[in-house]
């Protein structure tokens, strides 16, 4: 039996295939810039390999939702962007409906192991690919702090006794390019006199401040639970702390394949309890006026 996982990176989509015993059978990467036009061809290639299960790119997550049932509403919840427009994730998801054996993954905020109070007025505690990376390292460690430092975004995920208990996503922590958290007064003024768009929140990052915050969060949790810090991602050597491994693959891609293996009854099924999840990424916002936004989404 074969299982496939896909990591939707900023620069490349990585596709990993593992066996029932978790052995890596194949791995390759496709430039993300090609995905809007190459998605259907990639899906056809996956179909030809005849995997038992496929864990597809999942953005902000929907707990184990079957891809062949996805509509424009689900694409919006996964991307939090206009589902009718072009984009690597959205294009791939539209074409993935032909995969009868595929599913999407949960993000950190949807995991039942994360206390509800930590989720309030948050969406991005770590996207589904960060959960996949944490699952990969869960096969090596019971408890750890995972710092993922990507090309544009960074995240910190905390795993204690095999459960993810907290997370800080790429739109919270300032990254190499992403702005990270935005002061409430800045958000007010932007809304009043300009417009807050994805381009705004994904640009003008303060990476020096981001590195400070990552270290503060990671070291605090590491000290509190006496657990190691693991640093992964393209820019991992820009941080001067934590354990760093050298793999010839993206941990999120192989981690996604491991999750497919677990769901399909493979060797990693013993870790499946880590992924119990519910609700959506937008279920925990309590700000005034959010009810109106939810009503618009439901229609």
Protein backbone atom coordinates (compact mmCIF):
# COMPACT_ATOMS: atom_id res chain seq x y z
CA UNK A 1 0.00 0.00 0.00
CA UNK A 2 1.17 3.52 -0.84
CA UNK A 3 0.30 6.83 0.79
CA UNK A 4 0.94 10.33 -0.55
CA UNK A 5 1.32 13.67 1.22
CA UNK A 6 1.77 17.11 -0.33
CA UNK A 7 3.29 20.23 1.21
CA UNK A 8 2.22 23.54 -0.42
CA UNK A 9 5.35 25.62 0.15
CA UNK A 10 5.84 29.23 -0.87
CA UNK A 11 8.47 28.23 -3.43
CA UNK A 12 7.70 24.58 -4.19
CA UNK A 13 4.96 21.99 -3.77
CA UNK A 14 6.62 18.86 -2.36
CA UNK A 15 5.10 15.41 -3.02
CA UNK A 16 6.12 12.46 -0.83
CA UNK A 17 5.08 8.83 -1.15
CA UNK A 18 5.53 6.34 1.71
CA UNK A 19 4.77 2.67 2.20
CA UNK A 20 2.59 0.96 4.80
CA UNK A 21 5.75 0.65 6.93
CA UNK A 22 6.55 4.34 6.57
CA UNK A 23 9.43 3.88 4.12
CA UNK A 24 9.91 6.84 1.78
CA UNK A 25 9.30 5.50 -1.74
CA UNK A 26 9.54 8.69 -3.77
CA UNK A 27 9.89 12.42 -3.35
CA UNK A 28 9.91 15.39 -5.69
CA UNK A 29 9.18 19.09 -5.80
CA UNK A 30 7.34 21.27 -8.31
CA UNK A 31 7.76 25.07 -8.43
CA UNK A 32 4.73 26.66 -6.79
CA UNK A 33 4.53 29.18 -9.63
CA UNK A 34 3.62 26.32 -11.99
CA UNK A 35 0.81 24.88 -9.89
CA UNK A 36 -2.03 27.13 -11.15
CA UNK A 37 -1.48 25.69 -14.65
CA UNK A 38 -0.01 22.30 -13.73
CA UNK A 39 -2.47 21.22 -11.02
CA UNK A 40 -4.61 18.93 -13.19
CA UNK A 41 -1.52 17.21 -14.60
CA UNK A 42 -0.16 16.68 -11.10
CA UNK A 43 -3.46 15.22 -9.94
CA UNK A 44 -3.46 12.83 -12.91
CA UNK A 45 0.06 11.72 -12.06
CA UNK A 46 -1.02 11.01 -8.49
CA UNK A 47 -4.01 8.99 -9.71
CA UNK A 48 -1.70 6.87 -11.89
CA UNK A 49 0.39 5.87 -8.87
CA UNK A 50 -2.75 4.35 -7.30
CA UNK A 51 -2.16 5.38 -3.66
CA UNK A 52 -4.49 4.12 -0.97
CA UNK A 53 -4.89 7.63 0.52
CA UNK A 54 -3.71 11.14 -0.29
CA UNK A 55 -3.33 14.04 2.17
CA UNK A 56 -3.65 17.16 0.02
CA UNK A 57 -2.56 20.77 0.70
CA UNK A 58 -4.94 22.07 3.33
CA UNK A 59 -4.15 25.70 4.19
CA UNK A 60 -6.13 26.68 7.29
CA UNK A 61 -7.56 23.19 7.53
CA UNK A 62 -10.84 21.31 7.75
CA UNK A 63 -10.59 18.15 9.85
CA UNK A 64 -10.26 15.21 7.45
CA UNK A 65 -12.83 16.56 5.01
CA UNK A 66 -13.07 14.43 1.86
CA UNK A 67 -11.72 16.30 -1.14
CA UNK A 68 -14.33 14.98 -3.58
CA UNK A 69 -17.01 16.74 -1.49
CA UNK A 70 -15.31 20.13 -1.52
CA UNK A 71 -17.30 23.12 -2.76
CA UNK A 72 -16.43 26.80 -3.09
CA UNK A 73 -17.33 27.25 0.58
CA UNK A 74 -14.73 24.71 1.71
CA UNK A 75 -12.12 26.20 -0.60
CA UNK A 76 -12.76 29.56 1.07
CA UNK A 77 -12.42 28.07 4.56
CA UNK A 78 -9.16 26.38 3.58
CA UNK A 79 -7.63 29.41 1.84
CA UNK A 80 -9.50 32.32 3.50
CA UNK A 81 -9.42 33.98 0.09
CA UNK A 82 -11.85 34.42 -2.80
CA UNK A 83 -12.39 30.82 -3.98
CA UNK A 84 -13.20 31.90 -7.53
CA UNK A 85 -9.78 33.45 -8.14
CA UNK A 86 -6.55 31.81 -9.27
CA UNK A 87 -3.94 30.65 -6.77
CA UNK A 88 -1.73 27.58 -6.20
CA UNK A 89 -3.73 26.20 -3.26
CA UNK A 90 -7.14 27.04 -4.69
CA UNK A 91 -6.33 25.66 -8.15
CA UNK A 92 -4.94 22.45 -6.70
CA UNK A 93 -7.99 21.95 -4.48
CA UNK A 94 -10.40 22.50 -7.39
CA UNK A 95 -8.61 19.85 -9.43
CA UNK A 96 -8.30 17.47 -6.48
CA UNK A 97 -12.01 16.68 -6.57
CA UNK A 98 -11.06 13.89 -8.98
CA UNK A 99 -9.18 12.16 -6.15
CA UNK A 100 -11.75 9.87 -4.55
CA UNK A 101 -9.31 8.79 -1.84
CA UNK A 102 -8.02 12.21 -0.72
CA UNK A 103 -8.67 14.33 2.35
CA UNK A 104 -7.59 17.62 3.89
CA UNK A 105 -5.86 18.02 7.24
CA UNK A 106 -6.70 20.09 10.32
CA UNK A 107 -4.72 23.15 11.31
CA UNK A 108 -3.58 23.76 14.89
CA UNK A 109 -6.64 25.79 15.93
CA UNK A 110 -8.94 22.89 15.01
CA UNK A 111 -7.16 20.37 17.23
CA UNK A 112 -9.11 19.29 20.31
CA UNK A 113 -5.86 19.07 22.31
CA UNK A 114 -5.45 22.87 22.21
CA UNK A 115 -7.38 24.52 25.08
CA UNK A 116 -10.25 26.70 23.84
CA UNK A 117 -9.06 29.81 25.69
CA UNK A 118 -5.90 29.80 23.58
CA UNK A 119 -7.97 29.90 20.41
CA UNK A 120 -10.12 32.96 21.15
CA UNK A 121 -9.83 35.74 18.53
CA UNK A 122 -7.17 33.78 16.65
CA UNK A 123 -7.22 32.03 13.28
CA UNK A 124 -3.62 31.18 12.45
CA UNK A 125 -2.09 29.10 15.25
CA UNK A 126 -0.23 27.14 12.59
CA UNK A 127 -1.55 25.96 9.24
CA UNK A 128 -2.15 22.32 8.31
CA UNK A 129 1.36 21.90 6.89
CA UNK A 130 2.76 22.86 10.31
CA UNK A 131 0.61 20.13 11.86
CA UNK A 132 2.08 17.72 9.31
CA UNK A 133 5.62 18.76 10.25
CA UNK A 134 4.80 18.25 13.93
CA UNK A 135 3.39 14.81 13.11
CA UNK A 136 6.66 13.93 11.36
CA UNK A 137 8.70 14.83 14.43
CA UNK A 138 6.16 13.11 16.70
CA UNK A 139 7.44 9.84 15.23
CA UNK A 140 10.86 10.76 16.69
CA UNK A 141 9.95 12.60 19.94
CA UNK A 142 7.08 12.52 22.45
CA UNK A 143 7.49 16.18 23.46
CA UNK A 144 9.17 19.13 21.74
CA UNK A 145 8.90 22.70 20.57
CA UNK A 146 8.94 22.87 16.78
CA UNK A 147 10.10 26.09 15.16
CA UNK A 148 9.47 26.18 11.42
CA UNK A 149 11.31 28.94 9.58
CA UNK A 150 10.16 29.06 5.97
CA UNK A 151 10.97 31.36 3.08
CA UNK A 152 8.23 33.83 4.01
CA UNK A 153 6.51 32.60 7.16
CA UNK A 154 7.53 31.19 10.53
CA UNK A 155 5.64 29.25 13.17
CA UNK A 156 6.09 27.72 16.62
CA UNK A 157 4.24 24.52 17.56
CA UNK A 158 4.35 22.99 21.04
CA UNK A 159 3.91 19.24 21.51
CA UNK A 160 3.70 17.74 25.01
CA UNK A 161 3.18 14.03 25.63
CA UNK A 162 2.29 13.51 21.99
CA UNK A 163 -0.34 16.26 21.84
CA UNK A 164 -0.17 19.70 20.25
CA UNK A 165 -1.14 22.12 23.02
CA UNK A 166 -0.34 25.54 21.51
CA UNK A 167 0.82 27.23 18.35
CA UNK A 168 1.77 30.57 16.86
CA UNK A 169 1.32 30.85 13.10
CA UNK A 170 2.92 32.76 10.28
CA UNK A 171 0.45 35.65 10.38
CA UNK A 172 1.12 36.13 14.09
CA UNK A 173 4.91 35.97 14.19
CA UNK A 174 6.69 38.54 11.98
CA UNK A 175 8.50 36.64 9.26
CA UNK A 176 11.15 37.32 6.62
CA UNK A 177 8.42 38.91 4.48
CA UNK A 178 5.12 38.61 6.41
CA UNK A 179 4.13 41.43 8.76
CA UNK A 180 2.88 39.11 11.49
CA UNK A 181 0.58 40.49 14.18
CA UNK A 182 -0.79 43.97 13.50
CA UNK A 183 -1.36 46.50 16.30
CA UNK A 184 -5.11 47.05 16.77
CA UNK A 185 -4.76 50.79 16.21
CA UNK A 186 -2.83 50.17 12.98
CA UNK A 187 -5.59 47.82 11.83
CA UNK A 188 -8.22 50.46 12.65
CA UNK A 189 -6.45 53.20 10.70
CA UNK A 190 -5.79 50.93 7.73
CA UNK A 191 -9.45 49.93 7.66
CA UNK A 192 -10.62 53.53 7.97
CA UNK A 193 -8.32 55.19 5.45
CA UNK A 194 -7.04 52.39 3.22
CA UNK A 195 -7.67 48.65 2.95
CA UNK A 196 -6.32 45.58 4.69
CA UNK A 197 -5.54 42.95 2.04
CA UNK A 198 -3.50 39.76 1.91
CA UNK A 199 -0.75 41.81 0.28
CA UNK A 200 -0.66 44.05 3.34
CA UNK A 201 -0.38 41.27 5.91
CA UNK A 202 2.06 39.25 3.79
CA UNK A 203 4.55 42.10 3.31
CA UNK A 204 6.98 44.34 5.22
CA UNK A 205 8.03 41.74 7.74
CA UNK A 206 10.18 42.65 10.75
CA UNK A 207 12.33 39.51 10.80
CA UNK A 208 14.69 40.72 13.53
CA UNK A 209 11.72 41.16 15.87
CA UNK A 210 10.29 37.86 14.64
CA UNK A 211 13.47 36.01 15.63
CA UNK A 212 13.32 37.55 19.10
CA UNK A 213 9.69 36.50 19.59
CA UNK A 214 10.34 32.98 18.31
CA UNK A 215 13.17 32.56 20.78
CA UNK A 216 11.13 33.91 23.69
CA UNK A 217 8.20 31.59 22.99
CA UNK A 218 10.29 28.51 22.20
CA UNK A 219 12.63 28.85 25.18
CA UNK A 220 9.78 29.59 27.60
CA UNK A 221 7.94 26.40 26.63
CA UNK A 222 11.18 24.41 26.49
CA UNK A 223 12.03 25.45 30.05
CA UNK A 224 8.49 24.98 31.36
CA UNK A 225 8.20 21.38 30.13
CA UNK A 226 11.90 20.48 29.91
CA UNK A 227 11.62 19.58 26.23
CA UNK A 228 13.94 20.09 23.24
CA UNK A 229 13.58 22.81 20.62
CA UNK A 230 13.69 21.61 17.02
CA UNK A 231 14.28 24.16 14.28
CA UNK A 232 13.41 23.27 10.68
CA UNK A 233 12.78 25.02 7.40
CA UNK A 234 14.74 26.80 4.70
CA UNK A 235 15.99 29.56 7.03
CA UNK A 236 16.66 27.39 10.08
CA UNK A 237 20.33 28.38 10.26
CA UNK A 238 19.33 32.01 10.75
CA UNK A 239 18.40 30.99 14.32
CA UNK A 240 21.31 30.26 16.63
CA UNK A 241 19.49 27.83 18.93
CA UNK A 242 17.67 24.50 18.78
CA UNK A 243 18.34 21.11 17.20
CA UNK A 244 18.59 21.08 13.41
CA UNK A 245 18.34 17.99 11.23
CA UNK A 246 19.45 17.49 7.65
CA UNK A 247 16.82 15.71 5.57
CA UNK A 248 16.68 15.53 1.80
CA UNK A 249 12.96 16.27 1.89
CA UNK A 250 10.47 18.67 3.42
CA UNK A 251 9.25 17.36 6.76
CA UNK A 252 5.73 18.67 6.05
CA UNK A 253 5.43 16.59 2.86
CA UNK A 254 6.62 13.38 4.50
CA UNK A 255 4.58 14.21 7.60
CA UNK A 256 1.47 14.54 5.43
CA UNK A 257 2.21 11.16 3.89
CA UNK A 258 2.68 9.74 7.40
CA UNK A 259 -0.76 11.09 8.33
CA UNK A 260 -2.28 9.38 5.27
CA UNK A 261 -0.48 6.23 6.41
CA UNK A 262 -1.98 6.58 9.91
CA UNK A 263 -5.51 7.17 8.62
CA UNK A 264 -5.12 4.18 6.29
CA UNK A 265 -4.12 1.85 9.12
CA UNK A 266 -0.38 1.90 8.49
CA UNK A 267 2.48 1.83 10.96
CA UNK A 268 1.83 5.39 12.18
CA UNK A 269 -1.79 4.77 13.18
CA UNK A 270 -0.65 4.71 16.84
CA UNK A 271 -0.09 8.48 16.61
CA UNK A 272 -3.50 9.28 15.13
CA UNK A 273 -4.88 10.41 18.50
CA UNK A 274 -2.73 13.53 18.07
CA UNK A 275 -5.06 14.73 15.28
CA UNK A 276 -8.49 14.62 16.94
CA UNK A 277 -10.13 17.82 15.72
CA UNK A 278 -13.33 19.73 15.10
CA UNK A 279 -14.78 23.06 13.89
CA UNK A 280 -13.05 25.41 11.46
CA UNK A 281 -10.29 28.01 11.54
CA UNK A 282 -12.83 30.83 11.92
CA UNK A 283 -14.89 29.27 14.72
CA UNK A 284 -13.23 31.07 17.63
CA UNK A 285 -13.33 34.77 16.76
CA UNK A 286 -15.40 36.69 19.33
CA UNK A 287 -14.90 40.26 18.14
CA UNK A 288 -17.86 42.60 17.73
CA UNK A 289 -19.23 42.40 14.18
CA UNK A 290 -17.86 38.92 13.50
CA UNK A 291 -21.39 37.49 13.51
CA UNK A 292 -22.12 39.47 10.35
CA UNK A 293 -19.04 38.04 8.65
CA UNK A 294 -20.05 34.50 9.63
CA UNK A 295 -23.55 35.03 8.24
CA UNK A 296 -22.10 36.17 4.92
CA UNK A 297 -19.84 33.11 4.77
CA UNK A 298 -22.73 30.76 5.47
CA UNK A 299 -24.69 32.20 2.57
